[in-house]
C-alpha atoms as a PDB file:
ATOM      1  CA  UNK A   1     -12.058  -4.718 180.039  1.00  0.00           C
ATOM      2  CA  UNK A   2     -12.379  -7.135 176.674  1.00  0.00           C
ATOM      3  CA  UNK A   3     -14.655  -5.579 173.631  1.00  0.00           C
ATOM      4  CA  UNK A   4     -16.097  -7.684 171.242  1.00  0.00           C
ATOM      5  CA  UNK A   5     -17.376  -7.057 167.840  1.00  0.00           C
ATOM      6  CA  UNK A   6     -19.180  -9.110 164.869  1.00  0.00           C
ATOM      7  CA  UNK A   7     -17.448  -7.225 161.789  1.00  0.00           C
ATOM      8  CA  UNK A   8     -14.264  -5.803 161.209  1.00  0.00           C
ATOM      9  CA  UNK A   9     -14.305  -1.666 161.946  1.00  0.00           C
ATOM     10  CA  UNK A  10     -13.954   0.427 158.650  1.00  0.00           C
ATOM     11  CA  UNK A  11     -10.417   1.650 158.056  1.00  0.00           C
ATOM     12  CA  UNK A  12      -9.471  -0.652 161.048  1.00  0.00           C
ATOM     13  CA  UNK A  13      -6.201  -2.434 158.369  1.00  0.00           C
ATOM     14  CA  UNK A  14      -5.829   0.538 157.708  1.00  0.00           C
ATOM     15  CA  UNK A  15      -3.931   1.259 161.216  1.00  0.00           C
ATOM     16  CA  UNK A  16      -0.349   0.362 162.186  1.00  0.00           C
ATOM     17  CA  UNK A  17      -0.187  -1.340 165.526  1.00  0.00           C
ATOM     18  CA  UNK A  18       0.240   1.962 167.607  1.00  0.00           C
ATOM     19  CA  UNK A  19      -3.027   2.963 166.428  1.00  0.00           C
ATOM     20  CA  UNK A  20      -5.339  -0.104 168.115  1.00  0.00           C
ATOM     21  CA  UNK A  21      -5.806   1.237 171.323  1.00  0.00           C
ATOM     22  CA  UNK A  22      -6.986   4.400 170.182  1.00  0.00           C
ATOM     23  CA  UNK A  23      -9.221   2.896 167.846  1.00  0.00           C
ATOM     24  CA  UNK A  24     -10.287  -0.004 169.869  1.00  0.00           C
ATOM     25  CA  UNK A  25     -10.038   1.288 173.204  1.00  0.00           C
ATOM     26  CA  UNK A  26      -8.495  -1.936 174.940  1.00  0.00           C
ATOM     27  CA  UNK A  27      -8.419  -5.820 173.728  1.00  0.00           C
ATOM     28  CA  UNK A  28     -10.640  -6.912 171.011  1.00  0.00           C
ATOM     29  CA  UNK A  29     -12.235  -9.751 169.786  1.00  0.00           C
ATOM     30  CA  UNK A  30     -13.846  -9.488 166.331  1.00  0.00           C
ATOM     31  CA  UNK A  31     -15.720 -12.721 165.302  1.00  0.00           C
ATOM     32  CA  UNK A  32     -15.983 -12.686 161.367  1.00  0.00           C
ATOM     33  CA  UNK A  33     -18.597 -15.196 159.573  1.00  0.00           C
ATOM     34  CA  UNK A  34     -16.975 -18.245 157.262  1.00  0.00           C
ATOM     35  CA  UNK A  35     -18.244 -20.583 155.279  1.00  0.00           C
ATOM     36  CA  UNK A  36     -17.374 -23.265 157.926  1.00  0.00           C
ATOM     37  CA  UNK A  37     -18.819 -22.222 161.473  1.00  0.00           C
ATOM     38  CA  UNK A  38     -16.360 -23.723 163.800  1.00  0.00           C
ATOM     39  CA  UNK A  39     -14.126 -20.904 164.116  1.00  0.00           C
ATOM     40  CA  UNK A  40     -10.338 -20.395 163.679  1.00  0.00           C
ATOM     41  CA  UNK A  41      -8.252 -18.171 166.477  1.00  0.00           C
ATOM     42  CA  UNK A  42      -5.604 -15.692 165.586  1.00  0.00           C
ATOM     43  CA  UNK A  43      -4.363 -14.461 168.333  1.00  0.00           C
ATOM     44  CA  UNK A  44      -2.523 -11.386 167.579  1.00  0.00           C
ATOM     45  CA  UNK A  45      -0.216  -8.471 169.173  1.00  0.00           C
ATOM     46  CA  UNK A  46       0.528 -10.403 172.604  1.00  0.00           C
ATOM     47  CA  UNK A  47       3.823  -8.196 172.881  1.00  0.00           C
ATOM     48  CA  UNK A  48       2.675  -4.546 171.557  1.00  0.00           C
ATOM     49  CA  UNK A  49       6.596  -4.587 169.902  1.00  0.00           C
ATOM     50  CA  UNK A  50       6.012  -7.738 167.956  1.00  0.00           C
ATOM     51  CA  UNK A  51       3.476  -6.395 165.448  1.00  0.00           C
ATOM     52  CA  UNK A  52       4.211  -8.775 162.703  1.00  0.00           C
ATOM     53  CA  UNK A  53       0.897 -10.720 163.416  1.00  0.00           C
ATOM     54  CA  UNK A  54      -1.061  -7.618 162.833  1.00  0.00           C
ATOM     55  CA  UNK A  55       0.643  -7.069 159.731  1.00  0.00           C
ATOM     56  CA  UNK A  56       0.010 -10.715 158.372  1.00  0.00           C
ATOM     57  CA  UNK A  57      -3.638 -10.106 159.159  1.00  0.00           C
ATOM     58  CA  UNK A  58      -3.561  -7.526 157.751  1.00  0.00           C
ATOM     59  CA  UNK A  59      -2.893  -8.405 154.343  1.00  0.00           C
ATOM     60  CA  UNK A  60      -5.240 -11.946 155.175  1.00  0.00           C
ATOM     61  CA  UNK A  61      -8.475  -9.974 155.787  1.00  0.00           C
ATOM     62  CA  UNK A  62      -8.093  -7.118 153.278  1.00  0.00           C
ATOM     63  CA  UNK A  63     -10.455  -9.256 150.436  1.00  0.00           C
ATOM     64  CA  UNK A  64     -12.612 -10.061 152.953  1.00  0.00           C
ATOM     65  CA  UNK A  65     -13.032  -6.795 154.766  1.00  0.00           C
ATOM     66  CA  UNK A  66     -15.961  -5.707 152.368  1.00  0.00           C
ATOM     67  CA  UNK A  67     -18.032  -8.707 153.287  1.00  0.00           C
ATOM     68  CA  UNK A  68     -18.495  -9.345 149.555  1.00  0.00           C
ATOM     69  CA  UNK A  69     -15.893 -12.134 149.297  1.00  0.00           C
ATOM     70  CA  UNK A  70     -16.965 -15.309 152.191  1.00  0.00           C
ATOM     71  CA  UNK A  71     -14.080 -16.443 154.913  1.00  0.00           C
ATOM     72  CA  UNK A  72     -14.170 -20.548 154.170  1.00  0.00           C
ATOM     73  CA  UNK A  73     -14.247 -20.920 157.952  1.00  0.00           C
ATOM     74  CA  UNK A  74     -15.200 -18.753 160.354  1.00  0.00           C
ATOM     75  CA  UNK A  75     -12.361 -16.398 162.123  1.00  0.00           C
ATOM     76  CA  UNK A  76     -12.089 -14.705 165.682  1.00  0.00           C
ATOM     77  CA  UNK A  77      -9.284 -12.415 165.697  1.00  0.00           C
ATOM     78  CA  UNK A  78      -8.372 -10.854 169.129  1.00  0.00           C
ATOM     79  CA  UNK A  79      -6.153  -8.709 168.957  1.00  0.00           C
ATOM     80  CA  UNK A  80      -4.972  -8.112 172.347  1.00  0.00           C
ATOM     81  CA  UNK A  81      -2.373  -5.966 173.790  1.00  0.00           C
ATOM     82  CA  UNK A  82      -3.104  -2.908 172.106  1.00  0.00           C
ATOM     83  CA  UNK A  83      -1.971  -0.307 175.178  1.00  0.00           C
ATOM     84  CA  UNK A  84       1.576  -1.217 174.805  1.00  0.00           C
ATOM     85  CA  UNK A  85       1.628  -1.472 171.233  1.00  0.00           C
ATOM     86  CA  UNK A  86       0.522   1.853 170.955  1.00  0.00           C
ATOM     87  CA  UNK A  87       3.680   2.810 172.752  1.00  0.00           C
ATOM     88  CA  UNK A  88       5.791   0.162 171.205  1.00  0.00           C
ATOM     89  CA  UNK A  89       6.855  -1.775 173.874  1.00  0.00           C
ATOM     90  CA  UNK A  90       6.705  -5.805 175.096  1.00  0.00           C
ATOM     91  CA  UNK A  91       4.252  -4.805 177.733  1.00  0.00           C
ATOM     92  CA  UNK A  92       3.254  -1.697 179.879  1.00  0.00           C
ATOM     93  CA  UNK A  93       5.095  -1.212 183.177  1.00  0.00           C
ATOM     94  CA  UNK A  94       3.721  -3.509 186.370  1.00  0.00           C
ATOM     95  CA  UNK A  95       1.451  -5.352 183.551  1.00  0.00           C
ATOM     96  CA  UNK A  96       2.083  -8.929 183.075  1.00  0.00           C
ATOM     97  CA  UNK A  97       3.969 -10.786 180.437  1.00  0.00           C
ATOM     98  CA  UNK A  98       0.438 -11.313 177.876  1.00  0.00           C
ATOM     99  CA  UNK A  99       2.114 -14.933 177.312  1.00  0.00           C
ATOM    100  CA  UNK A 100       1.941 -16.149 180.985  1.00  0.00           C
ATOM    101  CA  UNK A 101      -1.468 -15.398 181.908  1.00  0.00           C
ATOM    102  CA  UNK A 102      -4.213 -17.574 180.030  1.00  0.00           C
ATOM    103  CA  UNK A 103      -5.810 -20.120 181.773  1.00  0.00           C
ATOM    104  CA  UNK A 104      -3.884 -22.593 184.177  1.00  0.00           C
ATOM    105  CA  UNK A 105      -1.329 -20.423 184.862  1.00  0.00           C
ATOM    106  CA  UNK A 106       0.116 -20.019 188.833  1.00  0.00           C
ATOM    107  CA  UNK A 107      -0.540 -16.334 188.602  1.00  0.00           C
ATOM    108  CA  UNK A 108      -4.455 -15.938 188.435  1.00  0.00           C
ATOM    109  CA  UNK A 109      -5.120 -12.200 190.169  1.00  0.00           C
ATOM    110  CA  UNK A 110      -4.651  -9.814 187.662  1.00  0.00           C
ATOM    111  CA  UNK A 111      -7.076  -7.904 185.251  1.00  0.00           C
ATOM    112  CA  UNK A 112      -5.560  -9.863 182.491  1.00  0.00           C
ATOM    113  CA  UNK A 113      -6.352 -13.405 183.984  1.00  0.00           C
ATOM    114  CA  UNK A 114      -9.830 -12.026 183.477  1.00  0.00           C
ATOM    115  CA  UNK A 115      -9.049 -10.996 180.376  1.00  0.00           C
ATOM    116  CA  UNK A 116      -7.397 -14.105 178.858  1.00  0.00           C
ATOM    117  CA  UNK A 117     -10.618 -16.421 180.784  1.00  0.00           C
ATOM    118  CA  UNK A 118     -13.549 -14.487 179.269  1.00  0.00           C
ATOM    119  CA  UNK A 119     -11.544 -15.313 175.665  1.00  0.00           C
ATOM    120  CA  UNK A 120     -11.303 -18.958 176.707  1.00  0.00           C
ATOM    121  CA  UNK A 121     -15.182 -18.911 178.001  1.00  0.00           C
ATOM    122  CA  UNK A 122     -15.904 -17.432 174.706  1.00  0.00           C
ATOM    123  CA  UNK A 123     -13.914 -19.224 172.659  1.00  0.00           C
ATOM    124  CA  UNK A 124     -15.187 -22.228 174.028  1.00  0.00           C
ATOM    125  CA  UNK A 125     -18.631 -21.579 173.573  1.00  0.00           C
ATOM    126  CA  UNK A 126     -18.196 -21.190 169.907  1.00  0.00           C
ATOM    127  CA  UNK A 127     -16.381 -24.590 169.556  1.00  0.00           C
ATOM    128  CA  UNK A 128     -12.978 -23.113 167.858  1.00  0.00           C
ATOM    129  CA  UNK A 129     -11.594 -25.364 165.855  1.00  0.00           C
ATOM    130  CA  UNK A 130      -7.909 -23.919 166.570  1.00  0.00           C
ATOM    131  CA  UNK A 131      -5.953 -21.771 167.659  1.00  0.00           C
ATOM    132  CA  UNK A 132      -3.285 -20.021 166.961  1.00  0.00           C
ATOM    133  CA  UNK A 133      -0.983 -16.623 167.983  1.00  0.00           C
ATOM    134  CA  UNK A 134       0.864 -15.189 165.143  1.00  0.00           C
ATOM    135  CA  UNK A 135       3.707 -13.015 167.187  1.00  0.00           C
ATOM    136  CA  UNK A 136       7.414 -12.701 165.813  1.00  0.00           C
ATOM    137  CA  UNK A 137      10.648 -12.920 167.937  1.00  0.00           C
ATOM    138  CA  UNK A 138      14.097 -10.716 168.646  1.00  0.00           C
ATOM    139  CA  UNK A 139      16.360 -13.085 166.853  1.00  0.00           C
ATOM    140  CA  UNK A 140      17.074 -14.931 163.201  1.00  0.00           C
ATOM    141  CA  UNK A 141      15.373 -17.602 164.066  1.00  0.00           C
ATOM    142  CA  UNK A 142      13.431 -20.463 161.726  1.00  0.00           C
ATOM    143  CA  UNK A 143       9.697 -20.136 161.192  1.00  0.00           C
ATOM    144  CA  UNK A 144       8.074 -22.791 164.343  1.00  0.00           C
ATOM    145  CA  UNK A 145       5.256 -23.835 165.636  1.00  0.00           C
ATOM    146  CA  UNK A 146       4.529 -25.201 169.387  1.00  0.00           C
ATOM    147  CA  UNK A 147       1.610 -27.847 170.267  1.00  0.00           C
ATOM    148  CA  UNK A 148      -0.241 -28.284 173.603  1.00  0.00           C
ATOM    149  CA  UNK A 149      -1.376 -32.195 172.674  1.00  0.00           C
ATOM    150  CA  UNK A 150       0.721 -34.793 171.033  1.00  0.00           C
ATOM    151  CA  UNK A 151      -1.813 -35.438 168.689  1.00  0.00           C
ATOM    152  CA  UNK A 152      -0.853 -36.103 164.717  1.00  0.00           C
ATOM    153  CA  UNK A 153      -3.968 -33.548 163.988  1.00  0.00           C
ATOM    154  CA  UNK A 154      -2.089 -31.116 166.217  1.00  0.00           C
ATOM    155  CA  UNK A 155       1.253 -32.262 164.871  1.00  0.00           C
ATOM    156  CA  UNK A 156      -0.127 -31.735 161.065  1.00  0.00           C
ATOM    157  CA  UNK A 157      -1.446 -28.024 161.763  1.00  0.00           C
ATOM    158  CA  UNK A 158       2.288 -27.649 163.553  1.00  0.00           C
ATOM    159  CA  UNK A 159       3.952 -28.352 159.980  1.00  0.00           C
ATOM    160  CA  UNK A 160       1.706 -25.764 158.016  1.00  0.00           C
ATOM    161  CA  UNK A 161       3.589 -23.254 159.819  1.00  0.00           C
ATOM    162  CA  UNK A 162       6.902 -24.489 160.926  1.00  0.00           C
ATOM    163  CA  UNK A 163      10.019 -25.948 158.775  1.00  0.00           C
ATOM    164  CA  UNK A 164      10.947 -28.697 161.487  1.00  0.00           C
END
């Protein structure tokens, strides 16, 4: 179910979120080299109708897409629920919420759980530096960050994304 690439396919950054299913064929993890080897994992489109992350990544990666400029740190980009994005939906009927299928969730019997386990195992093997899920929500809310460990390093990273 998970497709992995070591480059940005030509023209990918020109596509809208609704076009990614046709271009990629499914959830895709793209690994890009950078000056620092331990990658940052950036996740977008956990919900197909929350396209802000994809829009931000398109802008961020455009200068690096040609390969002429090197990223300051290796980056792994997980473009996740492209099937729902193709239809502009949060998730497909019968599909679990992608925020609820990561390892450690109560239910673990779906293809999506297997997918997220593969992402986690892949990134663990690559010695991931940090993981950021960039998405929007439906309300007028301020920028915010969530942390899963009360540790100054995690809190410092979170302050770079939120105002509180």
